[in-house]
Amino acid sequence: MTTKLESHIADLGLVKTSDPENEKPVYRREGFDGISAFAELDNKVGEALRNCRQAKNLSRAELATLVGLSEQVYGRYERNSSKMHVSRLIHLSEVLGVSPLTMLFSAAPHLWGATEKEADTRFRMMKLLEDLPNDTMSSIVTLLETVSVLQNGTTTPKT
C-alpha cells in the first residue's frame, strides 16, 4: 500500500538526495542539469541580483543605501557569503523594480516547465504579462479561464 507521503513524492517527481547544508536526507525535484546543491542555488540568485542591479545602472553602494545596508553587507548577498531571507528578496525586488520571479527563475527554471524550452516560454510569458495595463490583464485572465474550462473542465478561483 502506498502511503500519502510516498504518493506525494511520486506525484511531484521528487528524488531523495543529500545536501552539504543539511544533515538529514532531503527530497528535491531534478533540474535540467541534475540536482543543484543549495549553495549553487544561492549563488545563482546572487548572480541574478547582481545582473538586476547592473541592468538598473546602480552601484553596490547605491543599492545598499536604498535597502538600508552597508555596501559590504549588501555585497555578501551578491557573492553568496550571506544567506538572503525571503523578506530581503522581496525588498530588493521592490527597490530594483523587478519581480522576484526573475531571480528565482535563474536559480530553478525547472519549476516553470518540464523542458528548458517550456520553462523559457512560461517565463517569457510571465515577463510580458507583468508590463500589461490592468484592463488588458483582466481580458487575458478571462481568456485563460475560458481556455482552462474548455481543456480541463475546471477553472481557477477568482480573487
C-alpha atoms as a PDB file:
ATOM      1  CA  MET A   1       0.000   0.000   0.000  1.00  0.00           C
ATOM      2  CA  THR A   2       1.332   3.442  -0.959  1.00  0.00           C
ATOM      3  CA  THR A   3       1.347   5.995   1.826  1.00  0.00           C
ATOM      4  CA  LYS A   4       0.173   9.565   1.384  1.00  0.00           C
ATOM      5  CA  LEU A   5       3.792  10.754   1.652  1.00  0.00           C
ATOM      6  CA  GLU A   6       5.034   8.237  -0.947  1.00  0.00           C
ATOM      7  CA  SER A   7       2.221   9.303  -3.244  1.00  0.00           C
ATOM      8  CA  HIS A   8       3.130  12.964  -2.810  1.00  0.00           C
ATOM      9  CA  ILE A   9       6.795  12.232  -3.581  1.00  0.00           C
ATOM     10  CA  ALA A  10       5.847  10.276  -6.704  1.00  0.00           C
ATOM     11  CA  ASP A  11       3.318  12.879  -7.909  1.00  0.00           C
ATOM     12  CA  LEU A  12       5.933  15.640  -7.786  1.00  0.00           C
ATOM     13  CA  GLY A  13       8.783  13.509  -9.110  1.00  0.00           C
ATOM     14  CA  LEU A  14      10.903  14.147  -6.035  1.00  0.00           C
ATOM     15  CA  VAL A  15      14.220  12.382  -5.552  1.00  0.00           C
ATOM     16  CA  LYS A  16      15.800  11.536  -2.209  1.00  0.00           C
ATOM     17  CA  THR A  17      19.171  13.243  -2.030  1.00  0.00           C
ATOM     18  CA  SER A  18      21.578  14.875   0.378  1.00  0.00           C
ATOM     19  CA  ASP A  19      22.982  18.364   0.634  1.00  0.00           C
ATOM     20  CA  PRO A  20      26.078  19.532   2.497  1.00  0.00           C
ATOM     21  CA  GLU A  21      23.948  22.146   4.283  1.00  0.00           C
ATOM     22  CA  ASN A  22      21.528  19.575   5.704  1.00  0.00           C
ATOM     23  CA  GLU A  23      22.448  16.603   7.839  1.00  0.00           C
ATOM     24  CA  LYS A  24      19.261  14.681   7.007  1.00  0.00           C
ATOM     25  CA  PRO A  25      18.200  13.436   3.568  1.00  0.00           C
ATOM     26  CA  VAL A  26      16.051  15.859   1.569  1.00  0.00           C
ATOM     27  CA  TYR A  27      13.682  15.359  -1.337  1.00  0.00           C
ATOM     28  CA  ARG A  28      14.207  17.552  -4.364  1.00  0.00           C
ATOM     29  CA  ARG A  29      12.986  17.806  -7.915  1.00  0.00           C
ATOM     30  CA  GLU A  30      15.671  17.303 -10.502  1.00  0.00           C
ATOM     31  CA  GLY A  31      16.586  20.369 -12.524  1.00  0.00           C
ATOM     32  CA  PHE A  32      17.640  20.414 -16.153  1.00  0.00           C
ATOM     33  CA  ASP A  33      21.259  19.871 -15.069  1.00  0.00           C
ATOM     34  CA  GLY A  34      20.554  17.472 -12.224  1.00  0.00           C
ATOM     35  CA  ILE A  35      20.007  18.426  -8.598  1.00  0.00           C
ATOM     36  CA  SER A  36      21.822  21.595  -7.596  1.00  0.00           C
ATOM     37  CA  ALA A  37      23.146  21.927  -4.066  1.00  0.00           C
ATOM     38  CA  PHE A  38      21.502  24.653  -2.026  1.00  0.00           C
ATOM     39  CA  ALA A  39      24.738  26.689  -2.222  1.00  0.00           C
ATOM     40  CA  GLU A  40      24.569  26.555  -6.036  1.00  0.00           C
ATOM     41  CA  LEU A  41      21.001  27.861  -5.949  1.00  0.00           C
ATOM     42  CA  ASP A  42      22.091  30.678  -3.636  1.00  0.00           C
ATOM     43  CA  ASN A  43      24.974  31.535  -5.991  1.00  0.00           C
ATOM     44  CA  LYS A  44      22.589  31.756  -8.933  1.00  0.00           C
ATOM     45  CA  VAL A  45      20.206  34.032  -7.019  1.00  0.00           C
ATOM     46  CA  GLY A  46      23.154  36.266  -6.031  1.00  0.00           C
ATOM     47  CA  GLU A  47      24.282  36.424  -9.651  1.00  0.00           C
ATOM     48  CA  ALA A  48      20.754  37.299 -10.790  1.00  0.00           C
ATOM     49  CA  LEU A  49      20.611  40.007  -8.134  1.00  0.00           C
ATOM     50  CA  ARG A  50      23.871  41.487  -9.433  1.00  0.00           C
ATOM     51  CA  ASN A  51      22.566  41.347 -13.014  1.00  0.00           C
ATOM     52  CA  CYS A  52      19.336  43.124 -11.996  1.00  0.00           C
ATOM     53  CA  ARG A  53      21.310  45.811 -10.140  1.00  0.00           C
ATOM     54  CA  GLN A  54      23.629  46.351 -13.089  1.00  0.00           C
ATOM     55  CA  ALA A  55      20.679  46.460 -15.524  1.00  0.00           C
ATOM     56  CA  LYS A  56      19.306  49.364 -13.442  1.00  0.00           C
ATOM     57  CA  ASN A  57      22.751  51.003 -13.642  1.00  0.00           C
ATOM     58  CA  LEU A  58      23.104  51.107  -9.851  1.00  0.00           C
ATOM     59  CA  SER A  59      26.344  50.626  -7.945  1.00  0.00           C
ATOM     60  CA  ARG A  60      26.513  48.311  -4.959  1.00  0.00           C
ATOM     61  CA  ALA A  61      26.809  51.354  -2.705  1.00  0.00           C
ATOM     62  CA  GLU A  62      23.706  52.979  -4.209  1.00  0.00           C
ATOM     63  CA  LEU A  63      21.580  49.848  -3.866  1.00  0.00           C
ATOM     64  CA  ALA A  64      22.888  49.231  -0.348  1.00  0.00           C
ATOM     65  CA  THR A  65      21.751  52.740   0.611  1.00  0.00           C
ATOM     66  CA  LEU A  66      18.273  52.077  -0.796  1.00  0.00           C
ATOM     67  CA  VAL A  67      17.850  48.935   1.300  1.00  0.00           C
ATOM     68  CA  GLY A  68      19.446  50.304   4.477  1.00  0.00           C
ATOM     69  CA  LEU A  69      22.594  48.200   4.429  1.00  0.00           C
ATOM     70  CA  SER A  70      26.298  48.900   4.234  1.00  0.00           C
ATOM     71  CA  GLU A  71      27.897  48.188   0.876  1.00  0.00           C
ATOM     72  CA  GLN A  72      29.866  45.335   2.457  1.00  0.00           C
ATOM     73  CA  VAL A  73      26.765  43.655   3.875  1.00  0.00           C
ATOM     74  CA  TYR A  74      24.839  44.044   0.608  1.00  0.00           C
ATOM     75  CA  GLY A  75      27.815  42.681  -1.359  1.00  0.00           C
ATOM     76  CA  ARG A  76      27.625  39.470   0.662  1.00  0.00           C
ATOM     77  CA  TYR A  77      24.239  38.726  -0.917  1.00  0.00           C
ATOM     78  CA  GLU A  78      25.649  39.039  -4.428  1.00  0.00           C
ATOM     79  CA  ARG A  79      28.650  36.883  -3.501  1.00  0.00           C
ATOM     80  CA  ASN A  80      26.544  34.383  -1.513  1.00  0.00           C
ATOM     81  CA  SER A  81      28.611  34.771   1.612  1.00  0.00           C
ATOM     82  CA  SER A  82      25.380  35.655   3.480  1.00  0.00           C
ATOM     83  CA  LYS A  83      22.046  33.891   3.183  1.00  0.00           C
ATOM     84  CA  MET A  84      19.236  36.018   1.854  1.00  0.00           C
ATOM     85  CA  HIS A  85      15.863  35.788   3.595  1.00  0.00           C
ATOM     86  CA  VAL A  86      12.700  35.901   1.518  1.00  0.00           C
ATOM     87  CA  SER A  87      11.796  39.245   3.088  1.00  0.00           C
ATOM     88  CA  ARG A  88      15.122  40.694   1.842  1.00  0.00           C
ATOM     89  CA  LEU A  89      14.482  39.269  -1.640  1.00  0.00           C
ATOM     90  CA  ILE A  90      11.073  40.967  -1.642  1.00  0.00           C
ATOM     91  CA  HIS A  91      12.608  44.260  -0.502  1.00  0.00           C
ATOM     92  CA  LEU A  92      15.340  44.092  -3.145  1.00  0.00           C
ATOM     93  CA  SER A  93      12.708  43.323  -5.786  1.00  0.00           C
ATOM     94  CA  GLU A  94      10.729  46.390  -4.706  1.00  0.00           C
ATOM     95  CA  VAL A  95      13.774  48.653  -4.848  1.00  0.00           C
ATOM     96  CA  LEU A  96      15.002  47.258  -8.174  1.00  0.00           C
ATOM     97  CA  GLY A  97      11.523  47.242  -9.710  1.00  0.00           C
ATOM     98  CA  VAL A  98      11.812  43.600 -10.759  1.00  0.00           C
ATOM     99  CA  SER A  99       9.744  40.550  -9.997  1.00  0.00           C
ATOM    100  CA  PRO A 100      11.325  38.101  -7.545  1.00  0.00           C
ATOM    101  CA  LEU A 101      10.471  35.513 -10.206  1.00  0.00           C
ATOM    102  CA  THR A 102      13.312  36.918 -12.293  1.00  0.00           C
ATOM    103  CA  MET A 103      15.841  35.932  -9.646  1.00  0.00           C
ATOM    104  CA  LEU A 104      14.173  32.638  -8.790  1.00  0.00           C
ATOM    105  CA  PHE A 105      13.917  31.580 -12.432  1.00  0.00           C
ATOM    106  CA  SER A 106      17.665  31.946 -12.847  1.00  0.00           C
ATOM    107  CA  ALA A 107      18.221  29.511  -9.979  1.00  0.00           C
ATOM    108  CA  ALA A 108      15.470  26.972 -10.688  1.00  0.00           C
ATOM    109  CA  PRO A 109      13.996  27.212 -14.198  1.00  0.00           C
ATOM    110  CA  HIS A 110      12.756  23.620 -13.915  1.00  0.00           C
ATOM    111  CA  LEU A 111       9.969  24.922 -11.657  1.00  0.00           C
ATOM    112  CA  TRP A 112       8.435  26.625 -14.707  1.00  0.00           C
ATOM    113  CA  GLY A 113       8.303  23.655 -17.069  1.00  0.00           C
ATOM    114  CA  ALA A 114       9.238  20.071 -17.842  1.00  0.00           C
ATOM    115  CA  THR A 115      11.744  21.121 -20.522  1.00  0.00           C
ATOM    116  CA  GLU A 116      14.066  24.097 -20.886  1.00  0.00           C
ATOM    117  CA  LYS A 117      12.005  25.321 -23.843  1.00  0.00           C
ATOM    118  CA  GLU A 118       8.724  25.059 -21.909  1.00  0.00           C
ATOM    119  CA  ALA A 119      10.239  26.806 -18.879  1.00  0.00           C
ATOM    120  CA  ASP A 120      11.638  29.603 -21.040  1.00  0.00           C
ATOM    121  CA  THR A 121       8.282  30.054 -22.805  1.00  0.00           C
ATOM    122  CA  ARG A 122       6.389  30.303 -19.499  1.00  0.00           C
ATOM    123  CA  PHE A 123       8.916  32.724 -18.075  1.00  0.00           C
ATOM    124  CA  ARG A 124       8.840  34.947 -21.167  1.00  0.00           C
ATOM    125  CA  MET A 125       5.038  34.943 -20.976  1.00  0.00           C
ATOM    126  CA  MET A 126       5.106  35.986 -17.315  1.00  0.00           C
ATOM    127  CA  LYS A 127       7.563  38.791 -18.076  1.00  0.00           C
ATOM    128  CA  LEU A 128       5.285  40.079 -20.841  1.00  0.00           C
ATOM    129  CA  LEU A 129       2.243  39.915 -18.565  1.00  0.00           C
ATOM    130  CA  GLU A 130       3.968  41.938 -15.837  1.00  0.00           C
ATOM    131  CA  ASP A 131       4.047  45.054 -18.027  1.00  0.00           C
ATOM    132  CA  LEU A 132       0.497  44.972 -19.370  1.00  0.00           C
ATOM    133  CA  PRO A 133      -2.121  47.505 -18.265  1.00  0.00           C
ATOM    134  CA  ASN A 134      -4.780  46.240 -15.844  1.00  0.00           C
ATOM    135  CA  ASP A 135      -7.628  46.248 -18.416  1.00  0.00           C
ATOM    136  CA  THR A 136      -5.574  44.108 -20.761  1.00  0.00           C
ATOM    137  CA  MET A 137      -4.649  41.757 -17.904  1.00  0.00           C
ATOM    138  CA  SER A 138      -8.319  41.335 -16.966  1.00  0.00           C
ATOM    139  CA  SER A 139      -9.139  40.372 -20.535  1.00  0.00           C
ATOM    140  CA  ILE A 140      -6.266  37.896 -20.686  1.00  0.00           C
ATOM    141  CA  VAL A 141      -7.288  36.302 -17.357  1.00  0.00           C
ATOM    142  CA  THR A 142     -10.837  35.861 -18.670  1.00  0.00           C
ATOM    143  CA  LEU A 143      -9.459  34.309 -21.855  1.00  0.00           C
ATOM    144  CA  LEU A 144      -7.186  31.941 -19.908  1.00  0.00           C
ATOM    145  CA  GLU A 145     -10.014  30.907 -17.586  1.00  0.00           C
ATOM    146  CA  THR A 146     -12.153  30.116 -20.645  1.00  0.00           C
ATOM    147  CA  VAL A 147      -9.344  28.067 -22.199  1.00  0.00           C
ATOM    148  CA  SER A 148      -8.859  26.216 -18.890  1.00  0.00           C
ATOM    149  CA  VAL A 149     -12.550  25.325 -18.708  1.00  0.00           C
ATOM    150  CA  LEU A 150     -12.523  24.100 -22.306  1.00  0.00           C
ATOM    151  CA  GLN A 151      -9.394  21.985 -21.763  1.00  0.00           C
ATOM    152  CA  ASN A 152      -9.940  20.614 -18.273  1.00  0.00           C
ATOM    153  CA  GLY A 153     -13.467  21.412 -17.333  1.00  0.00           C
ATOM    154  CA  THR A 154     -12.016  23.344 -14.370  1.00  0.00           C
ATOM    155  CA  THR A 155     -11.481  26.956 -13.544  1.00  0.00           C
ATOM    156  CA  THR A 156      -9.268  28.709 -11.055  1.00  0.00           C
ATOM    157  CA  PRO A 157     -10.878  30.599  -8.203  1.00  0.00           C
ATOM    158  CA  LYS A 158     -11.362  34.304  -8.840  1.00  0.00           C
ATOM    159  CA  THR A 159      -9.545  36.541  -6.398  1.00  0.00           C
END
